[in-house]
Amino acid sequence: TFDVRYLEAAIELQRVQTAQFGDAEHGGFFLTAADAEKLIARPKELYDGALPSGNSVSALNLLRLARLTGDPALEALALRTATGFAGTARRAPMAFTQFLCAADFALGPAYEVVIAGKPDAADTRAMLGALNRGFHPNAVVLLRPDAPDAPPITRLAPFTAAQKPIDGKATAYVCRNFACAAPTTDPQEMMSRIGR
């Protein structure tokens, strides 16, 4: 939907998770909150069975949030979470499938795609439609509305402030680790830049 309220909520939930469940000493996240009943030991899971572990999901969520917002602290927290469990995952990779998805995203290539344009315009929809027709697990997509004043997304993802439509046309900015290729107004060219 590209409603910034969802991104705001994700950022706030991540802040709460880090504060209540984060292991500041060794990285990763506990299963119980800091203010929960005290146990002999606070468990921390990584094994990805029928349900992925909280640490694996958190590592990927942190990486995606880091790429959506441009916040390097989130990426550092994700990498700290991942490195804390890398040795275990290396010994039995089939037991850590979601963790390996996070590692794949971290190792890249991963892409930040910003579509700048009028949200309901046909050319903007064509750009978004091209992205929606494929599977791009290592890409995050932001819509930067064309507006006379700075749209709310520029507050949450400051790197989008300069990414505007070219000549009034929907424009795609395809970036790898925030290094952007030349902007394009062609959906096929955009897709070729993310390897599809």
N, C-alpha and C. Protein backbone atom coordinates (compact mmCIF):
# COMPACT_ATOMS: atom_id res chain seq x y z
N THR A 1 0.82 -1.21 0.00
CA THR A 1 0.00 0.00 0.00
C THR A 1 0.85 1.26 0.00
N PHE A 2 2.08 1.16 0.43
CA PHE A 2 3.01 2.28 0.54
C PHE A 2 2.51 3.35 1.52
N ASP A 3 1.65 2.94 2.45
CA ASP A 3 1.18 3.84 3.51
C ASP A 3 2.30 3.93 4.55
N VAL A 4 2.83 5.13 4.76
CA VAL A 4 3.99 5.28 5.65
C VAL A 4 3.68 4.88 7.09
N ARG A 5 2.41 4.82 7.45
CA ARG A 5 2.07 4.40 8.82
C ARG A 5 2.56 2.99 9.10
N TYR A 6 2.57 2.13 8.09
CA TYR A 6 3.05 0.76 8.29
C TYR A 6 4.56 0.74 8.52
N LEU A 7 5.27 1.56 7.81
CA LEU A 7 6.72 1.64 8.02
C LEU A 7 7.01 2.24 9.39
N GLU A 8 6.25 3.26 9.78
CA GLU A 8 6.41 3.83 11.13
C GLU A 8 6.16 2.78 12.19
N ALA A 9 5.10 1.97 12.01
CA ALA A 9 4.79 0.91 12.98
C ALA A 9 5.90 -0.13 13.03
N ALA A 10 6.45 -0.49 11.88
CA ALA A 10 7.54 -1.48 11.85
C ALA A 10 8.77 -0.95 12.58
N ILE A 11 9.07 0.32 12.39
CA ILE A 11 10.22 0.93 13.07
C ILE A 11 10.00 0.92 14.58
N GLU A 12 8.78 1.25 15.01
CA GLU A 12 8.48 1.27 16.44
C GLU A 12 8.51 -0.14 17.02
N LEU A 13 7.95 -1.11 16.32
CA LEU A 13 7.99 -2.49 16.81
C LEU A 13 9.43 -2.98 16.94
N GLN A 14 10.27 -2.60 16.00
CA GLN A 14 11.67 -3.01 16.07
C GLN A 14 12.35 -2.38 17.27
N ARG A 15 12.02 -1.12 17.55
CA ARG A 15 12.59 -0.44 18.72
C ARG A 15 12.20 -1.17 20.00
N VAL A 16 10.93 -1.55 20.11
CA VAL A 16 10.45 -2.27 21.29
C VAL A 16 11.10 -3.64 21.38
N GLN A 17 11.17 -4.36 20.26
CA GLN A 17 11.80 -5.68 20.28
C GLN A 17 13.25 -5.59 20.75
N THR A 18 13.97 -4.63 20.23
CA THR A 18 15.38 -4.49 20.61
C THR A 18 15.51 -4.16 22.09
N ALA A 19 14.66 -3.28 22.58
CA ALA A 19 14.73 -2.88 23.99
C ALA A 19 14.31 -4.01 24.92
N GLN A 20 13.27 -4.75 24.58
CA GLN A 20 12.72 -5.76 25.48
C GLN A 20 13.33 -7.16 25.31
N PHE A 21 13.76 -7.48 24.10
CA PHE A 21 14.21 -8.85 23.83
C PHE A 21 15.67 -8.94 23.39
N GLY A 22 16.30 -7.82 23.08
CA GLY A 22 17.66 -7.84 22.56
C GLY A 22 18.69 -8.29 23.59
N ASP A 23 19.69 -9.00 23.12
CA ASP A 23 20.82 -9.41 23.95
C ASP A 23 21.97 -8.46 23.63
N ALA A 24 22.12 -7.44 24.45
CA ALA A 24 23.14 -6.42 24.20
C ALA A 24 24.56 -6.98 24.33
N GLU A 25 24.71 -8.04 25.10
CA GLU A 25 26.05 -8.59 25.34
C GLU A 25 26.53 -9.49 24.20
N HIS A 26 25.65 -10.37 23.70
CA HIS A 26 26.08 -11.37 22.72
C HIS A 26 25.38 -11.25 21.36
N GLY A 27 24.45 -10.33 21.23
CA GLY A 27 23.70 -10.20 19.98
C GLY A 27 22.53 -11.16 19.94
N GLY A 28 21.63 -10.93 19.02
CA GLY A 28 20.45 -11.77 18.89
C GLY A 28 19.35 -11.34 19.83
N PHE A 29 18.31 -12.17 19.89
CA PHE A 29 17.12 -11.84 20.66
C PHE A 29 16.68 -13.03 21.49
N PHE A 30 16.26 -12.74 22.72
CA PHE A 30 15.73 -13.76 23.62
C PHE A 30 14.27 -14.05 23.29
N LEU A 31 13.77 -15.19 23.78
CA LEU A 31 12.36 -15.53 23.62
C LEU A 31 11.49 -14.81 24.64
N THR A 32 12.08 -14.35 25.72
CA THR A 32 11.31 -13.68 26.77
C THR A 32 11.77 -12.23 26.92
N ALA A 33 10.84 -11.40 27.32
CA ALA A 33 11.13 -9.98 27.48
C ALA A 33 11.97 -9.74 28.73
N ALA A 34 12.64 -8.62 28.74
CA ALA A 34 13.49 -8.26 29.88
C ALA A 34 12.69 -8.12 31.16
N ASP A 35 11.43 -7.70 31.04
CA ASP A 35 10.61 -7.49 32.24
C ASP A 35 9.69 -8.67 32.53
N ALA A 36 9.91 -9.81 31.87
CA ALA A 36 9.10 -11.01 32.11
C ALA A 36 9.60 -11.72 33.37
N GLU A 37 8.84 -12.73 33.78
CA GLU A 37 9.24 -13.54 34.93
C GLU A 37 10.66 -14.06 34.72
N LYS A 38 11.48 -13.97 35.73
CA LYS A 38 12.88 -14.40 35.64
C LYS A 38 12.97 -15.93 35.57
N LEU A 39 13.72 -16.40 34.59
CA LEU A 39 13.95 -17.83 34.42
C LEU A 39 15.39 -18.14 34.81
N ILE A 40 15.70 -19.40 34.94
CA ILE A 40 17.08 -19.79 35.24
C ILE A 40 17.99 -19.28 34.13
N ALA A 41 17.54 -19.43 32.90
CA ALA A 41 18.28 -18.91 31.75
C ALA A 41 17.26 -18.40 30.74
N ARG A 42 17.55 -17.27 30.13
CA ARG A 42 16.66 -16.74 29.09
C ARG A 42 16.97 -17.46 27.78
N PRO A 43 16.00 -18.20 27.25
CA PRO A 43 16.28 -18.94 26.01
C PRO A 43 16.38 -18.02 24.80
N LYS A 44 17.20 -18.47 23.86
CA LYS A 44 17.40 -17.75 22.60
C LYS A 44 17.42 -18.82 21.50
N GLU A 45 16.46 -18.77 20.59
CA GLU A 45 16.32 -19.80 19.56
C GLU A 45 16.86 -19.32 18.22
N LEU A 46 17.39 -20.27 17.45
CA LEU A 46 17.79 -19.99 16.07
C LEU A 46 17.26 -21.06 15.12
N TYR A 47 17.05 -22.27 15.60
CA TYR A 47 16.64 -23.38 14.73
C TYR A 47 15.38 -23.02 13.95
N ASP A 48 15.43 -23.18 12.63
CA ASP A 48 14.29 -22.93 11.76
C ASP A 48 13.62 -24.26 11.43
N GLY A 49 12.59 -24.58 12.16
CA GLY A 49 11.83 -25.80 11.88
C GLY A 49 10.65 -25.46 10.98
N ALA A 50 9.47 -26.01 11.32
CA ALA A 50 8.26 -25.71 10.56
C ALA A 50 7.97 -24.21 10.62
N LEU A 51 8.34 -23.60 11.72
CA LEU A 51 8.25 -22.14 11.87
C LEU A 51 9.66 -21.59 11.97
N PRO A 52 9.96 -20.51 11.27
CA PRO A 52 11.31 -19.94 11.40
C PRO A 52 11.52 -19.36 12.80
N SER A 53 12.75 -19.35 13.23
CA SER A 53 13.05 -18.81 14.56
C SER A 53 12.91 -17.30 14.58
N GLY A 54 12.68 -16.77 15.76
CA GLY A 54 12.59 -15.33 15.92
C GLY A 54 13.88 -14.62 15.54
N ASN A 55 15.02 -15.22 15.81
CA ASN A 55 16.29 -14.59 15.46
C ASN A 55 16.50 -14.53 13.95
N SER A 56 16.10 -15.58 13.24
CA SER A 56 16.24 -15.57 11.79
C SER A 56 15.33 -14.53 11.16
N VAL A 57 14.08 -14.49 11.61
CA VAL A 57 13.13 -13.50 11.10
C VAL A 57 13.60 -12.10 11.46
N SER A 58 14.07 -11.92 12.67
CA SER A 58 14.53 -10.59 13.11
C SER A 58 15.73 -10.12 12.29
N ALA A 59 16.65 -11.01 11.99
CA ALA A 59 17.81 -10.61 11.19
C ALA A 59 17.38 -10.08 9.83
N LEU A 60 16.47 -10.79 9.17
CA LEU A 60 16.00 -10.34 7.86
C LEU A 60 15.16 -9.06 7.98
N ASN A 61 14.31 -8.99 9.00
CA ASN A 61 13.52 -7.76 9.21
C ASN A 61 14.43 -6.56 9.42
N LEU A 62 15.46 -6.73 10.22
CA LEU A 62 16.40 -5.62 10.47
C LEU A 62 17.09 -5.19 9.18
N LEU A 63 17.51 -6.15 8.39
CA LEU A 63 18.17 -5.81 7.12
C LEU A 63 17.23 -5.06 6.20
N ARG A 64 16.00 -5.53 6.10
CA ARG A 64 15.03 -4.86 5.22
C ARG A 64 14.70 -3.46 5.75
N LEU A 65 14.51 -3.33 7.04
CA LEU A 65 14.25 -2.00 7.62
C LEU A 65 15.43 -1.07 7.40
N ALA A 66 16.63 -1.60 7.52
CA ALA A 66 17.83 -0.78 7.29
C ALA A 66 17.84 -0.26 5.87
N ARG A 67 17.48 -1.10 4.91
CA ARG A 67 17.49 -0.68 3.51
C ARG A 67 16.31 0.24 3.20
N LEU A 68 15.19 0.06 3.88
CA LEU A 68 14.04 0.94 3.66
C LEU A 68 14.27 2.33 4.23
N THR A 69 15.01 2.41 5.32
CA THR A 69 15.17 3.70 6.02
C THR A 69 16.54 4.34 5.81
N GLY A 70 17.51 3.55 5.42
CA GLY A 70 18.87 4.07 5.32
C GLY A 70 19.55 4.17 6.67
N ASP A 71 19.05 3.46 7.68
CA ASP A 71 19.60 3.52 9.03
C ASP A 71 20.68 2.46 9.21
N PRO A 72 21.96 2.85 9.25
CA PRO A 72 23.04 1.87 9.38
C PRO A 72 23.04 1.15 10.72
N ALA A 73 22.45 1.74 11.76
CA ALA A 73 22.40 1.07 13.06
C ALA A 73 21.55 -0.20 12.99
N LEU A 74 20.50 -0.18 12.19
CA LEU A 74 19.67 -1.38 12.04
C LEU A 74 20.44 -2.48 11.32
N GLU A 75 21.19 -2.11 10.31
CA GLU A 75 21.99 -3.11 9.59
C GLU A 75 23.08 -3.68 10.51
N ALA A 76 23.68 -2.85 11.31
CA ALA A 76 24.71 -3.32 12.25
C ALA A 76 24.11 -4.30 13.25
N LEU A 77 22.90 -4.02 13.73
CA LEU A 77 22.23 -4.92 14.66
C LEU A 77 21.91 -6.25 13.98
N ALA A 78 21.48 -6.20 12.73
CA ALA A 78 21.20 -7.43 11.97
C ALA A 78 22.47 -8.26 11.82
N LEU A 79 23.55 -7.62 11.46
CA LEU A 79 24.81 -8.34 11.25
C LEU A 79 25.34 -8.91 12.57
N ARG A 80 25.12 -8.19 13.65
CA ARG A 80 25.53 -8.71 14.96
C ARG A 80 24.71 -9.94 15.32
N THR A 81 23.43 -9.89 15.00
CA THR A 81 22.56 -11.05 15.23
C THR A 81 23.04 -12.24 14.40
N ALA A 82 23.33 -11.98 13.13
CA ALA A 82 23.74 -13.05 12.22
C ALA A 82 25.09 -13.65 12.60
N THR A 83 26.06 -12.82 12.93
CA THR A 83 27.39 -13.35 13.25
C THR A 83 27.38 -14.16 14.53
N GLY A 84 26.45 -13.86 15.43
CA GLY A 84 26.36 -14.63 16.66
C GLY A 84 25.95 -16.08 16.44
N PHE A 85 25.30 -16.35 15.32
CA PHE A 85 24.80 -17.69 15.04
C PHE A 85 25.42 -18.33 13.80
N ALA A 86 26.33 -17.65 13.14
CA ALA A 86 26.87 -18.14 11.87
C ALA A 86 27.56 -19.49 12.02
N GLY A 87 28.31 -19.69 13.08
CA GLY A 87 29.02 -20.96 13.27
C GLY A 87 28.06 -22.12 13.41
N THR A 88 26.99 -21.93 14.15
CA THR A 88 25.99 -22.98 14.33
C THR A 88 25.32 -23.30 12.99
N ALA A 89 24.96 -22.26 12.25
CA ALA A 89 24.31 -22.47 10.95
C ALA A 89 25.25 -23.13 9.95
N ARG A 90 26.52 -22.85 10.04
CA ARG A 90 27.50 -23.45 9.13
C ARG A 90 27.59 -24.96 9.34
N ARG A 91 27.43 -25.39 10.59
CA ARG A 91 27.54 -26.83 10.89
C ARG A 91 26.33 -27.63 10.41
N ALA A 92 25.15 -27.00 10.34
CA ALA A 92 23.93 -27.72 9.93
C ALA A 92 23.02 -26.77 9.15
N PRO A 93 23.40 -26.39 7.95
CA PRO A 93 22.66 -25.37 7.21
C PRO A 93 21.20 -25.71 6.94
N MET A 94 20.86 -26.98 6.77
CA MET A 94 19.47 -27.35 6.49
C MET A 94 18.54 -27.03 7.66
N ALA A 95 19.08 -26.83 8.83
CA ALA A 95 18.27 -26.50 9.99
C ALA A 95 18.10 -25.00 10.18
N PHE A 96 18.65 -24.21 9.26
CA PHE A 96 18.65 -22.76 9.43
C PHE A 96 18.27 -22.05 8.12
N THR A 97 17.20 -22.53 7.50
CA THR A 97 16.85 -22.03 6.17
C THR A 97 16.47 -20.55 6.16
N GLN A 98 15.69 -20.10 7.13
CA GLN A 98 15.33 -18.68 7.17
C GLN A 98 16.56 -17.83 7.51
N PHE A 99 17.40 -18.33 8.36
CA PHE A 99 18.65 -17.63 8.67
C PHE A 99 19.49 -17.45 7.41
N LEU A 100 19.52 -18.49 6.56
CA LEU A 100 20.28 -18.40 5.31
C LEU A 100 19.66 -17.40 4.34
N CYS A 101 18.34 -17.23 4.39
CA CYS A 101 17.70 -16.18 3.58
C CYS A 101 18.19 -14.81 4.02
N ALA A 102 18.31 -14.61 5.33
CA ALA A 102 18.84 -13.34 5.84
C ALA A 102 20.29 -13.16 5.42
N ALA A 103 21.06 -14.24 5.49
CA ALA A 103 22.47 -14.16 5.08
C ALA A 103 22.58 -13.82 3.60
N ASP A 104 21.71 -14.41 2.78
CA ASP A 104 21.71 -14.12 1.35
C ASP A 104 21.41 -12.65 1.10
N PHE A 105 20.44 -12.11 1.82
CA PHE A 105 20.11 -10.69 1.68
C PHE A 105 21.31 -9.83 2.09
N ALA A 106 21.94 -10.20 3.20
CA ALA A 106 23.08 -9.41 3.70
C ALA A 106 24.26 -9.44 2.74
N LEU A 107 24.52 -10.60 2.15
CA LEU A 107 25.67 -10.74 1.26
C LEU A 107 25.41 -10.15 -0.12
N GLY A 108 24.15 -10.06 -0.49
CA GLY A 108 23.75 -9.38 -1.71
C GLY A 108 24.00 -10.17 -2.97
N PRO A 109 23.70 -9.56 -4.09
CA PRO A 109 23.31 -8.15 -4.13
C PRO A 109 21.88 -7.94 -3.64
N ALA A 110 21.69 -6.85 -2.94
CA ALA A 110 20.36 -6.42 -2.50
C ALA A 110 20.13 -5.04 -3.08
N TYR A 111 18.88 -4.73 -3.35
CA TYR A 111 18.55 -3.50 -4.05
C TYR A 111 17.54 -2.67 -3.27
N GLU A 112 17.73 -1.36 -3.33
CA GLU A 112 16.73 -0.41 -2.87
C GLU A 112 16.15 0.20 -4.15
N VAL A 113 14.84 0.06 -4.33
CA VAL A 113 14.18 0.59 -5.52
C VAL A 113 13.21 1.67 -5.06
N VAL A 114 13.40 2.87 -5.55
CA VAL A 114 12.50 3.98 -5.23
C VAL A 114 11.80 4.38 -6.52
N ILE A 115 10.48 4.33 -6.47
CA ILE A 115 9.67 4.80 -7.59
C ILE A 115 9.16 6.19 -7.21
N ALA A 116 9.55 7.19 -7.99
CA ALA A 116 9.13 8.57 -7.74
C ALA A 116 8.09 8.93 -8.79
N GLY A 117 6.90 9.29 -8.31
CA GLY A 117 5.84 9.66 -9.25
C GLY A 117 4.53 9.87 -8.53
N LYS A 118 3.52 10.22 -9.29
CA LYS A 118 2.18 10.38 -8.74
C LYS A 118 1.62 8.98 -8.47
N PRO A 119 1.19 8.70 -7.24
CA PRO A 119 0.80 7.33 -6.87
C PRO A 119 -0.24 6.68 -7.78
N ASP A 120 -1.21 7.43 -8.26
CA ASP A 120 -2.27 6.83 -9.07
C ASP A 120 -2.05 6.98 -10.58
N ALA A 121 -0.93 7.54 -10.98
CA ALA A 121 -0.67 7.74 -12.41
C ALA A 121 -0.36 6.41 -13.10
N ALA A 122 -0.72 6.32 -14.35
CA ALA A 122 -0.53 5.08 -15.12
C ALA A 122 0.95 4.69 -15.20
N ASP A 123 1.83 5.67 -15.37
CA ASP A 123 3.25 5.32 -15.49
C ASP A 123 3.83 4.82 -14.17
N THR A 124 3.35 5.37 -13.05
CA THR A 124 3.79 4.88 -11.74
C THR A 124 3.29 3.45 -11.54
N ARG A 125 2.03 3.22 -11.87
CA ARG A 125 1.45 1.88 -11.74
C ARG A 125 2.17 0.88 -12.64
N ALA A 126 2.61 1.33 -13.82
CA ALA A 126 3.36 0.44 -14.72
C ALA A 126 4.69 0.03 -14.09
N MET A 127 5.36 0.97 -13.45
CA MET A 127 6.63 0.64 -12.77
C MET A 127 6.38 -0.37 -11.65
N LEU A 128 5.38 -0.09 -10.81
CA LEU A 128 5.08 -0.98 -9.70
C LEU A 128 4.59 -2.34 -10.20
N GLY A 129 3.81 -2.33 -11.28
CA GLY A 129 3.34 -3.58 -11.86
C GLY A 129 4.48 -4.45 -12.35
N ALA A 130 5.47 -3.84 -12.96
CA ALA A 130 6.64 -4.60 -13.42
C ALA A 130 7.34 -5.27 -12.24
N LEU A 131 7.46 -4.57 -11.14
CA LEU A 131 8.08 -5.15 -9.95
C LEU A 131 7.23 -6.27 -9.36
N ASN A 132 5.91 -6.10 -9.40
CA ASN A 132 5.01 -7.08 -8.80
C ASN A 132 4.90 -8.37 -9.61
N ARG A 133 5.31 -8.35 -10.86
CA ARG A 133 5.20 -9.54 -11.69
C ARG A 133 6.32 -10.55 -11.43
N GLY A 134 7.30 -10.19 -10.68
CA GLY A 134 8.41 -11.11 -10.44
C GLY A 134 8.63 -11.36 -8.96
N PHE A 135 9.60 -12.22 -8.69
CA PHE A 135 9.99 -12.55 -7.33
C PHE A 135 11.34 -11.89 -7.08
N HIS A 136 11.38 -10.96 -6.18
CA HIS A 136 12.59 -10.18 -5.91
C HIS A 136 12.85 -10.15 -4.39
N PRO A 137 13.27 -11.27 -3.82
CA PRO A 137 13.42 -11.33 -2.37
C PRO A 137 14.50 -10.41 -1.82
N ASN A 138 15.43 -10.00 -2.65
CA ASN A 138 16.52 -9.14 -2.17
C ASN A 138 16.34 -7.70 -2.63
N ALA A 139 15.09 -7.29 -2.80
CA ALA A 139 14.81 -5.90 -3.16
C ALA A 139 13.78 -5.34 -2.20
N VAL A 140 13.98 -4.11 -1.80
CA VAL A 140 12.97 -3.37 -1.06
C VAL A 140 12.49 -2.25 -1.98
N VAL A 141 11.21 -1.93 -1.89
CA VAL A 141 10.61 -0.95 -2.79
C VAL A 141 9.94 0.13 -1.98
N LEU A 142 10.23 1.37 -2.34
CA LEU A 142 9.59 2.53 -1.73
C LEU A 142 8.92 3.35 -2.83
N LEU A 143 7.77 3.94 -2.49
CA LEU A 143 7.12 4.88 -3.39
C LEU A 143 7.33 6.27 -2.82
N ARG A 144 7.96 7.12 -3.61
CA ARG A 144 8.20 8.51 -3.22
C ARG A 144 7.24 9.37 -4.03
N PRO A 145 6.08 9.74 -3.42
CA PRO A 145 5.09 10.51 -4.16
C PRO A 145 5.63 11.85 -4.64
N ASP A 146 5.18 12.23 -5.84
CA ASP A 146 5.50 13.55 -6.37
C ASP A 146 4.59 14.53 -5.64
N ALA A 147 5.17 15.45 -4.91
CA ALA A 147 4.39 16.41 -4.13
C ALA A 147 5.15 17.71 -4.05
N PRO A 148 4.42 18.84 -3.95
CA PRO A 148 5.11 20.13 -3.85
C PRO A 148 5.93 20.24 -2.56
N ASP A 149 5.44 19.66 -1.49
CA ASP A 149 6.18 19.63 -0.23
C ASP A 149 6.77 18.24 -0.05
N ALA A 150 7.75 18.12 0.83
CA ALA A 150 8.38 16.82 1.07
C ALA A 150 7.33 15.83 1.58
N PRO A 151 7.15 14.70 0.89
CA PRO A 151 6.19 13.70 1.37
C PRO A 151 6.72 13.03 2.64
N PRO A 152 5.82 12.44 3.45
CA PRO A 152 6.22 11.81 4.71
C PRO A 152 7.33 10.76 4.57
N ILE A 153 7.41 10.07 3.44
CA ILE A 153 8.44 9.03 3.29
C ILE A 153 9.84 9.62 3.41
N THR A 154 10.01 10.89 3.06
CA THR A 154 11.35 11.48 3.13
C THR A 154 11.81 11.67 4.57
N ARG A 155 10.86 11.70 5.50
CA ARG A 155 11.22 11.78 6.92
C ARG A 155 11.73 10.43 7.42
N LEU A 156 11.11 9.35 6.97
CA LEU A 156 11.49 8.00 7.40
C LEU A 156 12.66 7.44 6.60
N ALA A 157 12.77 7.85 5.36
CA ALA A 157 13.84 7.40 4.47
C ALA A 157 14.45 8.64 3.82
N PRO A 158 15.30 9.36 4.55
CA PRO A 158 15.83 10.63 4.06
C PRO A 158 16.52 10.55 2.70
N PHE A 159 17.07 9.40 2.36
CA PHE A 159 17.76 9.27 1.07
C PHE A 159 16.82 9.46 -0.11
N THR A 160 15.50 9.40 0.11
CA THR A 160 14.54 9.58 -0.98
C THR A 160 14.25 11.04 -1.28
N ALA A 161 14.74 11.95 -0.47
CA ALA A 161 14.40 13.38 -0.64
C ALA A 161 14.78 13.90 -2.02
N ALA A 162 15.90 13.48 -2.55
CA ALA A 162 16.37 13.99 -3.84
C ALA A 162 15.86 13.15 -5.01
N GLN A 163 15.17 12.07 -4.73
CA GLN A 163 14.71 11.18 -5.80
C GLN A 163 13.32 11.61 -6.24
N LYS A 164 13.28 12.32 -7.36
CA LYS A 164 12.03 12.91 -7.85
C LYS A 164 11.78 12.46 -9.29
N PRO A 165 10.53 12.62 -9.74
CA PRO A 165 10.23 12.29 -11.14
C PRO A 165 11.04 13.17 -12.09
N ILE A 166 11.35 12.60 -13.25
CA ILE A 166 12.06 13.35 -14.29
C ILE A 166 11.05 13.78 -15.35
N ASP A 167 11.01 15.06 -15.62
CA ASP A 167 10.09 15.61 -16.62
C ASP A 167 8.65 15.18 -16.38
N GLY A 168 8.26 15.09 -15.10
CA GLY A 168 6.89 14.74 -14.76
C GLY A 168 6.54 13.28 -14.95
N LYS A 169 7.50 12.44 -15.30
CA LYS A 169 7.25 11.01 -15.53
C LYS A 169 7.70 10.20 -14.32
N ALA A 170 6.98 9.11 -14.06
CA ALA A 170 7.40 8.20 -13.00
C ALA A 170 8.83 7.75 -13.28
N THR A 171 9.64 7.78 -12.25
CA THR A 171 11.07 7.51 -12.41
C THR A 171 11.51 6.48 -11.38
N ALA A 172 12.28 5.50 -11.83
CA ALA A 172 12.81 4.48 -10.93
C ALA A 172 14.27 4.78 -10.62
N TYR A 173 14.58 4.70 -9.34
CA TYR A 173 15.96 4.80 -8.87
C TYR A 173 16.31 3.43 -8.31
N VAL A 174 17.19 2.71 -8.99
CA VAL A 174 17.60 1.38 -8.56
C VAL A 174 18.99 1.51 -7.95
N CYS A 175 19.08 1.15 -6.68
CA CYS A 175 20.32 1.35 -5.93
C CYS A 175 20.79 0.01 -5.35
N ARG A 176 22.09 -0.12 -5.21
CA ARG A 176 22.70 -1.24 -4.50
C ARG A 176 23.52 -0.65 -3.38
N ASN A 177 23.12 -0.96 -2.14
CA ASN A 177 23.79 -0.41 -0.97
C ASN A 177 23.83 1.12 -1.04
N PHE A 178 22.71 1.69 -1.46
CA PHE A 178 22.48 3.14 -1.55
C PHE A 178 23.34 3.83 -2.61
N ALA A 179 23.98 3.08 -3.48
CA ALA A 179 24.67 3.66 -4.63
C ALA A 179 23.74 3.44 -5.82
N CYS A 180 23.21 4.53 -6.35
CA CYS A 180 22.15 4.43 -7.35
C CYS A 180 22.68 4.54 -8.77
N ALA A 181 22.09 3.72 -9.64
CA ALA A 181 22.34 3.84 -11.07
C ALA A 181 21.60 5.08 -11.56
N ALA A 182 21.85 5.47 -12.79
CA ALA A 182 21.14 6.61 -13.36
C ALA A 182 19.64 6.32 -13.32
N PRO A 183 18.83 7.31 -12.99
CA PRO A 183 17.38 7.09 -12.94
C PRO A 183 16.84 6.74 -14.32
N THR A 184 15.73 6.00 -14.33
CA THR A 184 15.11 5.61 -15.60
C THR A 184 13.60 5.77 -15.51
N THR A 185 13.00 6.08 -16.65
CA THR A 185 11.54 6.15 -16.74
C THR A 185 10.99 4.93 -17.47
N ASP A 186 11.83 3.97 -17.78
CA ASP A 186 11.45 2.78 -18.53
C ASP A 186 11.36 1.56 -17.61
N PRO A 187 10.16 0.97 -17.45
CA PRO A 187 10.03 -0.19 -16.56
C PRO A 187 10.96 -1.36 -16.93
N GLN A 188 11.16 -1.61 -18.22
CA GLN A 188 12.04 -2.71 -18.62
C GLN A 188 13.49 -2.44 -18.22
N GLU A 189 13.91 -1.21 -18.38
CA GLU A 189 15.27 -0.85 -17.96
C GLU A 189 15.42 -1.00 -16.45
N MET A 190 14.39 -0.58 -15.71
CA MET A 190 14.41 -0.75 -14.25
C MET A 190 14.59 -2.22 -13.90
N MET A 191 13.83 -3.09 -14.54
CA MET A 191 13.90 -4.51 -14.22
C MET A 191 15.26 -5.10 -14.59
N SER A 192 15.86 -4.64 -15.66
CA SER A 192 17.17 -5.17 -16.04
C SER A 192 18.23 -4.82 -14.99
N ARG A 193 18.00 -3.75 -14.26
CA ARG A 193 18.98 -3.33 -13.25
C ARG A 193 18.91 -4.14 -11.97
N ILE A 194 17.80 -4.84 -11.77
CA ILE A 194 17.75 -5.71 -10.60
C ILE A 194 17.91 -7.18 -11.01
N GLY A 195 18.48 -7.36 -12.18
CA GLY A 195 18.83 -8.70 -12.62
C GLY A 195 17.67 -9.54 -13.09
N ARG A 196 16.60 -8.92 -13.49
CA ARG A 196 15.42 -9.69 -13.96
C ARG A 196 15.03 -9.22 -15.33
